[in-house]
Amino acid sequence: MEITQQEVEKVAKLARLELTDIEKAAFAKQLSQILTHVETLKQYDTTGVEPTATVQGQVNVFRPDIARPSLSVECAVANAPESADGFFVVPKIIEDRER
């Protein structure tokens, strides 16, 4: 399946991406190759094959969530440019806007 540069421009606009002409051409070529490969895969019969998220059967590979000591407040703010009463002091960024 061939993806045109105009289709790439449309998707880029929807995604709010600014692409150069070189990038548009490259993406059109890459996306066309991907869709061609998917078309090739469609020729195989997958009847009776269960959908999987992983072929290795892993369920959960995360470590146990165990509470443990963390940094003290003094250590956490030690390198802060400015702190007060154990908190980071940051510049005010709220601006007045009309709604």
Protein backbone atom coordinates (compact mmCIF):
# COMPACT_ATOMS: atom_id res chain seq x y z
CA MET A 1 0.00 0.00 0.00
CA GLU A 2 1.41 3.36 -0.97
CA ILE A 3 1.20 6.32 1.42
CA THR A 4 1.40 9.71 -0.26
CA GLN A 5 3.19 12.76 1.02
CA GLN A 6 -0.19 14.50 1.26
CA GLU A 7 -1.43 11.79 3.63
CA VAL A 8 1.68 12.25 5.76
CA GLU A 9 1.02 16.01 5.82
CA LYS A 10 -2.58 15.39 6.95
CA VAL A 11 -1.50 13.09 9.80
CA ALA A 12 1.27 15.51 10.80
CA LYS A 13 -1.25 18.35 10.92
CA LEU A 14 -3.61 16.28 13.08
CA ALA A 15 -0.71 15.45 15.40
CA ARG A 16 0.41 19.08 15.35
CA LEU A 17 3.85 18.14 14.01
CA GLU A 18 5.95 20.35 11.80
CA LEU A 19 7.83 18.26 9.26
CA THR A 20 10.33 19.24 6.60
CA ASP A 21 9.85 18.06 3.03
CA ILE A 22 12.67 15.55 3.55
CA GLU A 23 10.96 14.15 6.67
CA LYS A 24 7.60 13.94 4.86
CA ALA A 25 9.17 11.95 2.03
CA ALA A 26 11.00 9.67 4.46
CA PHE A 27 7.87 9.03 6.54
CA ALA A 28 5.81 8.34 3.43
CA LYS A 29 8.36 5.73 2.34
CA GLN A 30 8.63 4.16 5.81
CA LEU A 31 4.87 4.01 6.36
CA SER A 32 4.39 2.48 2.91
CA GLN A 33 6.94 -0.21 3.77
CA ILE A 34 5.19 -0.96 7.07
CA LEU A 35 1.78 -1.28 5.42
CA THR A 36 3.24 -3.48 2.68
CA HIS A 37 4.66 -5.77 5.38
CA VAL A 38 1.28 -5.89 7.15
CA GLU A 39 -0.36 -6.86 3.84
CA THR A 40 2.18 -9.68 3.56
CA LEU A 41 1.31 -10.88 7.07
CA LYS A 42 -2.40 -10.95 6.21
CA GLN A 43 -1.82 -13.92 3.90
CA TYR A 44 -1.17 -16.25 6.84
CA ASP A 45 -4.03 -18.17 8.40
CA THR A 46 -4.28 -17.29 12.09
CA THR A 47 -7.54 -19.12 12.74
CA GLY A 48 -7.49 -20.53 16.27
CA VAL A 49 -4.44 -18.51 17.32
CA GLU A 50 -5.13 -16.66 20.56
CA PRO A 51 -4.21 -12.96 20.63
CA THR A 52 -1.27 -12.27 22.95
CA ALA A 53 0.43 -9.24 24.41
CA THR A 54 3.71 -11.11 24.80
CA VAL A 55 4.96 -14.39 23.44
CA GLN A 56 6.86 -15.24 26.62
CA GLY A 57 3.84 -15.50 28.90
CA GLN A 58 5.10 -13.01 31.46
CA VAL A 59 2.39 -11.71 33.75
CA ASN A 60 4.09 -9.13 35.95
CA VAL A 61 7.80 -8.40 35.96
CA PHE A 62 7.70 -5.53 38.43
CA ARG A 63 9.42 -5.76 41.78
CA PRO A 64 7.26 -5.87 44.92
CA ASP A 65 6.15 -2.45 46.17
CA ILE A 66 7.78 -2.36 49.58
CA ALA A 67 7.99 0.80 51.69
CA ARG A 68 11.56 1.71 52.56
CA PRO A 69 13.36 4.74 53.94
CA SER A 70 13.86 7.66 51.59
CA LEU A 71 15.79 10.91 51.67
CA SER A 72 15.44 13.15 54.67
CA VAL A 73 13.94 16.58 54.03
CA GLU A 74 17.28 18.22 54.71
CA CYS A 75 19.06 15.96 52.20
CA ALA A 76 16.33 16.46 49.56
CA VAL A 77 16.55 20.28 49.62
CA ALA A 78 20.31 20.43 50.24
CA ASN A 79 21.18 21.34 46.62
CA ALA A 80 18.10 23.47 45.96
CA PRO A 81 18.88 27.01 44.83
CA GLU A 82 16.38 28.22 47.41
CA SER A 83 14.36 26.48 50.13
CA ALA A 84 12.26 27.50 53.11
CA ASP A 85 10.92 25.39 55.98
CA GLY A 86 11.88 22.16 54.17
CA PHE A 87 10.17 23.08 50.88
CA PHE A 88 11.58 24.08 47.49
CA VAL A 89 11.06 27.76 46.69
CA VAL A 90 10.15 28.31 43.05
CA PRO A 91 9.23 31.44 41.10
CA LYS A 92 5.57 32.32 40.83
CA ILE A 93 4.27 31.40 37.37
CA ILE A 94 0.57 32.13 37.70
CA GLU A 95 -0.52 34.90 35.42
CA ASP A 96 -3.75 36.85 35.24
CA ARG A 97 -5.85 35.79 32.26
CA GLU A 98 -9.25 36.85 31.14
CA ARG A 99 -11.64 33.97 30.63
